[in-house]
């Protein structure tokens, strides 16, 4: 399982977060569970519409960092 951190890009997986399934966003806050239960850590994701929602790690897929690839012929 991936150890998520602020700034990570994620995709919402199918499950209980139905309206957000397939959407990509960025983790903006990680809130640890009061008793240290890792699976209950809340990960807050902000989407392109500036909407912010909390998810659990099992609801998220970590997306690899994008590299800026210039198209041929651009300076």
Protein backbone atom coordinates (compact mmCIF):
# COMPACT_ATOMS: atom_id res chain seq x y z
CA UNK A 1 0.00 0.00 0.00
CA UNK A 2 1.28 3.45 -0.89
CA UNK A 3 2.22 5.91 1.85
CA UNK A 4 0.36 9.02 0.70
CA UNK A 5 1.62 12.54 1.42
CA UNK A 6 0.59 16.12 0.69
CA UNK A 7 1.13 16.95 -2.98
CA UNK A 8 0.59 13.41 -4.29
CA UNK A 9 -1.67 13.04 -7.33
CA UNK A 10 -4.41 10.44 -6.86
CA UNK A 11 -7.40 8.93 -8.67
CA UNK A 12 -10.60 7.99 -6.84
CA UNK A 13 -11.29 4.25 -7.04
CA UNK A 14 -14.74 2.62 -7.34
CA UNK A 15 -16.49 2.12 -4.01
CA UNK A 16 -18.53 4.27 -1.69
CA UNK A 17 -17.22 7.55 -3.18
CA UNK A 18 -19.48 7.06 -6.22
CA UNK A 19 -19.81 10.68 -7.41
CA UNK A 20 -16.01 11.04 -7.47
CA UNK A 21 -15.04 7.68 -9.06
CA UNK A 22 -12.39 8.15 -11.75
CA UNK A 23 -11.67 11.77 -10.84
CA UNK A 24 -8.09 12.88 -10.32
CA UNK A 25 -7.00 15.24 -7.58
CA UNK A 26 -4.16 16.24 -5.29
CA UNK A 27 -3.78 15.41 -1.60
CA UNK A 28 -3.85 18.68 0.33
CA UNK A 29 -4.02 17.36 3.90
CA UNK A 30 -3.31 14.12 5.78
CA UNK A 31 -5.12 13.72 9.10
CA UNK A 32 -3.88 10.78 11.20
CA UNK A 33 -6.40 8.75 13.19
CA UNK A 34 -6.49 9.66 16.90
CA UNK A 35 -5.48 6.12 17.92
CA UNK A 36 -2.96 5.64 15.12
CA UNK A 37 -5.04 3.24 13.01
CA UNK A 38 -3.44 3.66 9.57
CA UNK A 39 -6.43 2.47 7.56
CA UNK A 40 -8.52 5.16 9.26
CA UNK A 41 -6.19 8.03 8.28
CA UNK A 42 -8.19 10.67 6.37
CA UNK A 43 -6.67 11.98 3.18
CA UNK A 44 -8.14 15.24 1.94
CA UNK A 45 -8.15 15.61 -1.83
CA UNK A 46 -8.69 18.84 -3.74
CA UNK A 47 -10.03 18.61 -7.30
CA UNK A 48 -9.61 20.99 -10.25
CA UNK A 49 -12.91 22.72 -9.33
CA UNK A 50 -11.34 23.58 -5.94
CA UNK A 51 -13.72 21.11 -4.28
CA UNK A 52 -12.19 19.34 -1.25
CA UNK A 53 -13.28 15.94 0.10
CA UNK A 54 -11.90 13.37 2.59
CA UNK A 55 -11.12 9.77 1.59
CA UNK A 56 -9.47 6.72 3.13
CA UNK A 57 -6.34 5.23 1.53
CA UNK A 58 -8.23 2.19 0.19
CA UNK A 59 -10.33 4.58 -1.94
CA UNK A 60 -7.30 6.14 -3.67
CA UNK A 61 -4.89 5.12 -6.41
CA UNK A 62 -1.52 6.89 -6.39
CA UNK A 63 -0.70 8.41 -9.78
CA UNK A 64 2.95 8.60 -10.86
CA UNK A 65 4.48 12.05 -11.18
CA UNK A 66 4.03 13.56 -14.61
CA UNK A 67 7.11 14.61 -16.49
CA UNK A 68 7.04 17.62 -18.75
CA UNK A 69 7.81 16.26 -22.19
CA UNK A 70 8.23 18.91 -24.85
CA UNK A 71 6.74 18.19 -28.23
CA UNK A 72 9.11 17.94 -31.16
CA UNK A 73 9.78 21.32 -32.70
CA UNK A 74 9.02 23.42 -29.61
CA UNK A 75 11.84 25.49 -28.11
